[in-house]
Protein backbone atom coordinates (compact mmCIF):
# COMPACT_ATOMS: atom_id res chain seq x y z
CA MET A 1 103.65 116.91 90.93
CA ALA A 2 105.11 118.60 87.85
CA SER A 3 107.63 120.48 89.99
CA VAL A 4 109.11 117.21 91.29
CA ALA A 5 109.87 115.77 87.81
CA PRO A 6 112.94 117.97 87.14
CA VAL A 7 114.31 117.00 90.53
CA LEU A 8 113.84 113.31 89.79
CA ASN A 9 115.78 113.78 86.55
CA ARG A 10 118.58 115.49 88.48
CA VAL A 11 118.57 112.67 91.04
CA GLN A 12 118.92 110.05 88.30
CA THR A 13 121.78 112.05 86.79
CA TRP A 14 123.37 112.24 90.24
CA VAL A 15 123.16 108.47 90.74
CA GLN A 16 124.97 107.93 87.45
CA ALA A 17 127.55 110.63 88.35
CA VAL A 18 128.31 109.00 91.72
CA ALA A 19 128.91 105.63 90.10
CA GLN A 20 131.14 107.24 87.46
CA THR A 21 133.03 109.30 90.09
CA VAL A 22 133.85 106.18 92.10
CA THR A 23 135.00 104.36 88.96
CA ASP A 24 137.13 107.34 87.87
CA ARG A 25 138.74 107.70 91.30
CA ARG A 26 139.74 104.06 91.34
CA ALA A 27 141.18 104.29 87.82
CA HIS A 28 143.16 107.53 88.34
CA SER A 29 144.22 107.33 91.94
CA SER A 30 147.91 107.65 92.80
CA ARG A 31 147.32 105.56 95.90
CA PRO A 32 145.52 102.25 96.14
CA VAL A 33 141.79 102.60 96.64
CA PRO A 34 140.23 99.78 98.63
CA ASP A 35 137.70 97.80 96.66
CA ASP A 36 136.07 96.13 99.65
CA LEU A 37 132.82 98.12 99.27
CA THR A 38 130.86 98.53 96.06
CA ILE A 39 127.78 100.69 95.57
CA LEU A 40 125.44 98.56 93.46
CA GLY A 41 122.55 101.02 93.54
CA THR A 42 121.52 104.27 95.16
CA ASP A 43 118.68 106.76 95.02
CA VAL A 44 117.15 109.69 96.85
CA VAL A 45 113.43 109.54 97.64
CA TYR A 46 111.36 112.68 98.23
CA THR A 47 107.83 113.00 99.57
CA ALA A 48 105.06 114.45 97.40
CA ASP A 49 105.57 117.86 99.02
CA GLY A 50 109.30 117.91 98.19
CA ALA A 51 110.83 116.92 101.54
CA LEU A 52 113.63 114.37 101.67
CA ASP A 53 112.13 111.05 102.73
CA TYR A 54 115.26 108.89 102.65
CA ILE A 55 118.46 108.12 100.81
CA TRP A 56 119.23 104.48 100.09
CA TYR A 57 122.16 102.38 98.93
CA LEU A 58 122.49 98.78 97.87
CA LEU A 59 125.99 97.80 98.97
CA GLU A 60 128.27 94.82 98.52
CA GLU A 61 130.99 94.40 101.13
CA ARG A 62 133.90 92.00 100.88
CA ILE A 63 135.80 91.11 104.06
CA ASN A 64 138.18 88.17 104.49
CA GLY A 65 136.86 86.41 101.40
CA CYS A 66 133.21 86.71 102.44
CA THR A 67 130.74 88.80 100.46
CA ARG A 68 127.78 90.50 102.09
CA ARG A 69 125.05 92.36 100.19
CA TYR A 70 122.75 94.72 102.09
CA TYR A 71 120.65 97.86 101.93
CA LYS A 72 121.40 101.03 103.85
CA ALA A 73 118.74 103.73 104.25
CA ILE A 74 119.29 107.14 105.83
CA CYS A 75 116.54 109.44 107.16
CA LEU A 76 117.50 113.02 108.01
CA ASN A 77 116.11 116.17 109.64
CA VAL A 78 117.66 119.62 109.84
CA LEU A 79 117.96 121.69 113.00
CA THR A 80 116.04 124.86 112.18
CA TYR A 81 116.14 126.62 115.54
CA LEU A 82 118.22 126.47 118.69
CA PRO A 83 117.67 129.32 121.17
CA ARG A 84 120.67 131.36 122.26
CA GLU A 85 120.02 130.41 125.90
CA THR A 86 120.39 126.74 125.00
CA ARG A 87 123.58 127.34 122.99
CA GLU A 88 125.12 129.24 125.90
CA GLN A 89 124.36 126.68 128.61
CA THR A 90 127.51 125.52 130.34
CA ASN A 91 126.25 121.94 130.57
CA ILE A 92 125.29 121.58 126.89
CA PHE A 93 128.21 119.23 126.12
CA GLU A 94 127.26 116.99 129.03
CA LYS A 95 123.65 116.91 127.78
CA ALA A 96 124.86 116.09 124.27
CA ARG A 97 127.12 113.31 125.59
CA LYS A 98 124.21 111.76 127.50
CA ALA A 99 121.98 112.05 124.42
CA LEU A 100 124.53 110.26 122.24
CA LYS A 101 125.06 107.58 124.88
CA GLY A 102 121.31 107.01 125.04
CA LEU A 103 121.07 106.64 121.26
CA HIS A 104 123.99 104.23 121.23
CA SER A 105 122.46 102.18 124.06
CA ALA A 106 119.21 102.00 122.09
CA GLY A 107 121.07 100.61 119.08
CA VAL A 108 120.44 103.66 116.88
CA ASP A 109 122.94 104.27 114.08
CA PHE A 110 123.15 108.03 114.59
CA VAL A 111 124.01 110.35 111.68
CA HIS A 112 125.21 113.94 112.15
CA LEU A 113 126.20 116.18 109.25
CA TYR A 114 127.20 119.77 109.67
CA GLY A 115 128.87 122.42 107.62
CA ASN A 116 128.65 125.74 105.92
CA LEU A 117 126.70 125.22 102.70
CA LYS A 118 126.52 127.90 100.05
CA GLY A 119 123.07 129.46 100.06
CA PHE A 120 122.15 127.98 103.46
CA GLY A 121 124.88 129.07 105.85
CA PHE A 122 125.82 126.80 108.72
CA VAL A 123 123.53 123.76 108.89
CA GLN A 124 123.23 120.90 111.34
CA ILE A 125 121.52 117.76 110.08
CA TYR A 126 120.64 114.86 112.32
CA GLY A 127 119.26 111.46 111.49
CA ALA A 128 119.68 107.73 111.58
CA GLN A 129 120.56 104.92 109.25
CA GLY A 130 119.06 101.50 108.97
CA ILE A 131 120.84 98.48 107.53
CA SER A 132 119.16 95.29 106.37
CA GLU A 133 120.00 92.22 104.35
CA LYS A 134 116.26 91.48 104.10
CA GLY A 135 115.43 94.35 101.75
CA LEU A 136 115.03 98.07 101.24
CA GLU A 137 111.71 98.30 103.08
CA ASP A 138 113.26 96.84 106.23
CA ALA A 139 116.23 99.23 106.05
CA VAL A 140 113.90 102.22 105.58
CA SER A 141 111.75 101.10 108.51
CA ARG A 142 114.82 100.84 110.75
CA ALA A 143 116.04 104.28 109.63
CA ARG A 144 112.64 105.83 110.33
CA GLN A 145 112.54 104.26 113.79
CA GLY A 146 116.03 105.56 114.44
CA LEU A 147 115.06 109.06 113.29
CA ALA A 148 112.09 109.00 115.67
CA ALA A 149 114.49 108.17 118.52
CA VAL A 150 116.89 110.95 117.44
CA ARG A 151 114.03 113.47 117.35
CA ALA A 152 112.87 112.35 120.80
CA VAL A 153 116.36 112.72 122.27
CA LEU A 154 116.91 116.12 120.67
CA ALA A 155 113.57 117.28 122.06
CA ASN A 156 115.37 117.40 125.42
CA PHE A 157 117.12 120.54 124.18
CA GLU A 158 114.41 123.03 125.11
CA GLN A 159 112.73 124.90 122.27
CA SER A 160 114.98 123.39 119.60
CA ARG A 161 113.14 122.67 116.36
CA MET A 162 113.79 119.99 113.75
CA SER A 163 112.29 119.93 110.26
CA PRO A 164 112.43 117.60 107.30
CA VAL A 165 115.22 118.35 104.83
CA GLY A 166 113.66 120.39 102.03
CA LEU A 167 114.17 119.84 98.33
CA ALA A 168 116.75 122.63 97.85
CA LEU A 169 118.87 121.54 100.83
CA GLY A 170 118.53 117.89 99.82
CA GLU A 171 119.83 118.69 96.35
CA THR A 172 122.69 120.76 97.80
CA LEU A 173 123.68 117.81 100.00
CA ARG A 174 123.45 115.45 97.06
CA GLU A 175 125.76 117.70 95.03
CA ALA A 176 128.16 118.04 97.97
CA PHE A 177 128.67 114.27 97.93
CA LEU A 178 129.98 114.58 94.37
CA ALA A 179 133.04 116.46 95.70
CA PRO A 180 136.30 114.53 95.12
CA LEU A 181 136.82 113.46 98.74
CA ALA A 182 133.23 113.22 99.95
CA ILE A 183 132.37 109.59 99.29
CA VAL A 184 131.37 108.12 102.63
CA VAL A 185 128.72 105.44 102.78
């Protein structure tokens, strides 16, 4: 458990940095920054073995004079293996379209992140988000159910393998969201 403590300190520092970054951007922006969404709280939760469990936000949204406060939780997995035969299939886009349509029909809030991350190369991360006004536990439960559906759908791509996001990749993602134009909630 001692190896997780430094990470928790970095996560707490990150949470403070995100809040400060948003405040700084609003104060120094040359164009108007909408203030219809406020991050009231956020954290990253890891399992005891160092895998990313979920990311959560407490958000306040203002639309047409109405204020809504809710939790958003995101559960993620990383694609660790996709055989060349699968990548080269001519019908892979059709399979992907059907997979996404199935997730949408099931009411899953699908999350897909991809990019070339220093130290990791090209990564594809899949997951789901859960939103709840009832509380964090409900949002996390919805995100976990959504991730189970995403994993089931992606299992249709023969021999592909998904794994939990490890500590190093989770921290790299966290730091990537500190980039000037990377705030998306």
